[in-house]
Amino acid sequence: MAIRIKTDILAALKEVGYTSYRLRQEKLLGERAIQKLRTGELPSWNELNTICRLLGKQVGDLVEYVPDEE
């Protein structure tokens, strides 16, 4: 089972005015969460909740399930 990010979350946040600097300064996301997004790692559920709130999107808009090949 593989769940992966299907959109560039940092770019989407930047489009609505949330730069990585602003995210850190307003304590919306920490440096580790931002670094995870840069490297393509999945954020935690709490971080996903914050991202969905800021973007006005559902979790399914940001991540997708990709079945393993057998």
N, C-alpha and C. Protein backbone atom coordinates (compact mmCIF):
# COMPACT_ATOMS: atom_id res chain seq x y z
N MET A 1 0.84 -1.17 0.00
CA MET A 1 0.00 0.00 0.00
C MET A 1 0.89 1.24 0.00
N ALA A 2 0.52 2.18 -0.82
CA ALA A 2 1.29 3.42 -0.87
C ALA A 2 0.35 4.62 -0.96
N ILE A 3 0.54 5.53 -0.07
CA ILE A 3 -0.20 6.80 -0.14
C ILE A 3 0.82 7.85 -0.51
N ARG A 4 0.50 8.63 -1.51
CA ARG A 4 1.45 9.65 -1.95
C ARG A 4 0.77 10.99 -2.15
N ILE A 5 1.56 12.01 -2.10
CA ILE A 5 1.08 13.37 -2.34
C ILE A 5 0.87 13.53 -3.84
N LYS A 6 -0.29 14.05 -4.22
CA LYS A 6 -0.58 14.18 -5.65
C LYS A 6 -0.54 15.63 -6.15
N THR A 7 -0.18 16.55 -5.29
CA THR A 7 -0.06 17.95 -5.70
C THR A 7 1.11 18.58 -4.96
N ASP A 8 1.65 19.64 -5.50
CA ASP A 8 2.74 20.36 -4.84
C ASP A 8 2.10 21.27 -3.78
N ILE A 9 2.09 20.79 -2.55
CA ILE A 9 1.40 21.48 -1.47
C ILE A 9 2.03 22.83 -1.17
N LEU A 10 3.34 22.91 -1.16
CA LEU A 10 3.99 24.20 -0.88
C LEU A 10 3.67 25.23 -1.95
N ALA A 11 3.61 24.81 -3.21
CA ALA A 11 3.24 25.74 -4.30
C ALA A 11 1.79 26.20 -4.14
N ALA A 12 0.91 25.26 -3.77
CA ALA A 12 -0.50 25.61 -3.57
C ALA A 12 -0.65 26.60 -2.41
N LEU A 13 0.10 26.37 -1.33
CA LEU A 13 0.06 27.29 -0.20
C LEU A 13 0.58 28.67 -0.60
N LYS A 14 1.64 28.68 -1.39
CA LYS A 14 2.21 29.96 -1.83
C LYS A 14 1.22 30.73 -2.69
N GLU A 15 0.45 30.01 -3.52
CA GLU A 15 -0.55 30.66 -4.38
C GLU A 15 -1.61 31.40 -3.58
N VAL A 16 -1.91 30.90 -2.38
CA VAL A 16 -2.91 31.57 -1.55
C VAL A 16 -2.28 32.46 -0.48
N GLY A 17 -0.97 32.71 -0.61
CA GLY A 17 -0.31 33.69 0.24
C GLY A 17 0.45 33.15 1.44
N TYR A 18 0.64 31.85 1.52
CA TYR A 18 1.36 31.25 2.64
C TYR A 18 2.74 30.78 2.21
N THR A 19 3.72 31.65 2.34
CA THR A 19 5.10 31.27 2.05
C THR A 19 5.62 30.42 3.20
N SER A 20 6.73 29.73 2.99
CA SER A 20 7.30 28.93 4.07
C SER A 20 7.69 29.82 5.25
N TYR A 21 8.12 31.03 4.97
CA TYR A 21 8.46 31.99 6.03
C TYR A 21 7.21 32.32 6.86
N ARG A 22 6.12 32.62 6.19
CA ARG A 22 4.87 32.95 6.88
C ARG A 22 4.35 31.76 7.69
N LEU A 23 4.44 30.57 7.11
CA LEU A 23 3.98 29.36 7.81
C LEU A 23 4.73 29.18 9.12
N ARG A 24 6.05 29.43 9.09
CA ARG A 24 6.85 29.30 10.31
C ARG A 24 6.57 30.44 11.28
N GLN A 25 6.53 31.67 10.80
CA GLN A 25 6.35 32.83 11.66
C GLN A 25 5.01 32.80 12.39
N GLU A 26 3.96 32.36 11.69
CA GLU A 26 2.64 32.31 12.30
C GLU A 26 2.39 30.99 13.02
N LYS A 27 3.44 30.16 13.06
CA LYS A 27 3.39 28.85 13.74
C LYS A 27 2.26 27.97 13.22
N LEU A 28 2.06 28.02 11.90
CA LEU A 28 1.05 27.17 11.27
C LEU A 28 1.64 25.80 10.97
N LEU A 29 2.89 25.77 10.50
CA LEU A 29 3.64 24.54 10.26
C LEU A 29 5.07 24.76 10.72
N GLY A 30 5.66 23.75 11.29
CA GLY A 30 7.04 23.85 11.74
C GLY A 30 8.02 23.57 10.61
N GLU A 31 9.28 23.82 10.87
CA GLU A 31 10.32 23.61 9.86
C GLU A 31 10.37 22.16 9.41
N ARG A 32 10.21 21.22 10.34
CA ARG A 32 10.24 19.79 9.97
C ARG A 32 9.11 19.45 9.02
N ALA A 33 7.92 19.96 9.25
CA ALA A 33 6.78 19.71 8.37
C ALA A 33 7.03 20.29 6.98
N ILE A 34 7.58 21.48 6.93
CA ILE A 34 7.88 22.11 5.64
C ILE A 34 8.94 21.31 4.90
N GLN A 35 9.94 20.84 5.63
CA GLN A 35 11.00 20.02 5.00
C GLN A 35 10.42 18.72 4.47
N LYS A 36 9.50 18.10 5.21
CA LYS A 36 8.85 16.87 4.73
C LYS A 36 8.15 17.13 3.40
N LEU A 37 7.45 18.24 3.31
CA LEU A 37 6.75 18.58 2.07
C LEU A 37 7.72 18.81 0.92
N ARG A 38 8.85 19.42 1.21
CA ARG A 38 9.87 19.65 0.17
C ARG A 38 10.43 18.35 -0.38
N THR A 39 10.57 17.34 0.49
CA THR A 39 11.19 16.08 0.07
C THR A 39 10.16 15.03 -0.36
N GLY A 40 8.88 15.41 -0.34
CA GLY A 40 7.85 14.48 -0.80
C GLY A 40 7.35 13.50 0.24
N GLU A 41 7.75 13.69 1.50
CA GLU A 41 7.26 12.82 2.57
C GLU A 41 5.84 13.25 2.96
N LEU A 42 5.09 12.28 3.47
CA LEU A 42 3.73 12.59 3.91
C LEU A 42 3.76 13.36 5.22
N PRO A 43 2.96 14.41 5.33
CA PRO A 43 2.86 15.12 6.60
C PRO A 43 2.01 14.32 7.58
N SER A 44 2.04 14.69 8.84
CA SER A 44 1.21 14.02 9.85
C SER A 44 -0.25 14.41 9.63
N TRP A 45 -1.15 13.69 10.31
CA TRP A 45 -2.58 14.02 10.20
C TRP A 45 -2.85 15.44 10.69
N ASN A 46 -2.19 15.84 11.75
CA ASN A 46 -2.38 17.20 12.27
C ASN A 46 -1.92 18.24 11.25
N GLU A 47 -0.79 17.97 10.61
CA GLU A 47 -0.28 18.89 9.59
C GLU A 47 -1.21 18.91 8.38
N LEU A 48 -1.72 17.73 7.98
CA LEU A 48 -2.68 17.68 6.87
C LEU A 48 -3.94 18.47 7.21
N ASN A 49 -4.37 18.38 8.44
CA ASN A 49 -5.55 19.14 8.87
C ASN A 49 -5.31 20.64 8.69
N THR A 50 -4.16 21.11 9.11
CA THR A 50 -3.82 22.53 8.96
C THR A 50 -3.75 22.92 7.49
N ILE A 51 -3.10 22.10 6.68
CA ILE A 51 -2.96 22.38 5.25
C ILE A 51 -4.33 22.45 4.57
N CYS A 52 -5.20 21.48 4.88
CA CYS A 52 -6.55 21.46 4.30
C CYS A 52 -7.33 22.71 4.69
N ARG A 53 -7.18 23.13 5.94
CA ARG A 53 -7.87 24.34 6.40
C ARG A 53 -7.37 25.58 5.65
N LEU A 54 -6.06 25.69 5.49
CA LEU A 54 -5.48 26.86 4.82
C LEU A 54 -5.85 26.91 3.34
N LEU A 55 -5.91 25.73 2.72
CA LEU A 55 -6.21 25.67 1.29
C LEU A 55 -7.70 25.54 0.98
N GLY A 56 -8.49 25.21 1.97
CA GLY A 56 -9.92 24.99 1.74
C GLY A 56 -10.17 23.75 0.90
N LYS A 57 -9.38 22.70 1.14
CA LYS A 57 -9.48 21.46 0.37
C LYS A 57 -9.70 20.27 1.29
N GLN A 58 -10.09 19.14 0.68
CA GLN A 58 -10.23 17.88 1.38
C GLN A 58 -8.91 17.11 1.28
N VAL A 59 -8.69 16.17 2.20
CA VAL A 59 -7.46 15.36 2.19
C VAL A 59 -7.30 14.66 0.84
N GLY A 60 -8.40 14.16 0.27
CA GLY A 60 -8.35 13.46 -1.02
C GLY A 60 -7.92 14.35 -2.17
N ASP A 61 -8.00 15.66 -2.01
CA ASP A 61 -7.51 16.58 -3.03
C ASP A 61 -5.98 16.66 -3.02
N LEU A 62 -5.37 16.26 -1.90
CA LEU A 62 -3.93 16.42 -1.72
C LEU A 62 -3.15 15.11 -1.81
N VAL A 63 -3.75 14.02 -1.35
CA VAL A 63 -3.07 12.72 -1.34
C VAL A 63 -3.92 11.68 -2.05
N GLU A 64 -3.27 10.60 -2.50
CA GLU A 64 -3.98 9.53 -3.16
C GLU A 64 -3.38 8.19 -2.78
N TYR A 65 -4.21 7.17 -2.89
CA TYR A 65 -3.78 5.80 -2.63
C TYR A 65 -3.36 5.16 -3.95
N VAL A 66 -2.19 4.56 -3.95
CA VAL A 66 -1.69 3.85 -5.13
C VAL A 66 -1.44 2.40 -4.70
N PRO A 67 -2.22 1.44 -5.26
CA PRO A 67 -2.04 0.05 -4.84
C PRO A 67 -0.69 -0.50 -5.26
N ASP A 68 -0.19 -1.43 -4.43
CA ASP A 68 1.07 -2.10 -4.76
C ASP A 68 0.87 -3.01 -5.96
N GLU A 69 1.89 -3.13 -6.76
CA GLU A 69 1.84 -4.08 -7.87
C GLU A 69 2.17 -5.46 -7.33
N GLU A 70 1.40 -6.45 -7.73
CA GLU A 70 1.65 -7.80 -7.22
C GLU A 70 2.27 -8.67 -8.28
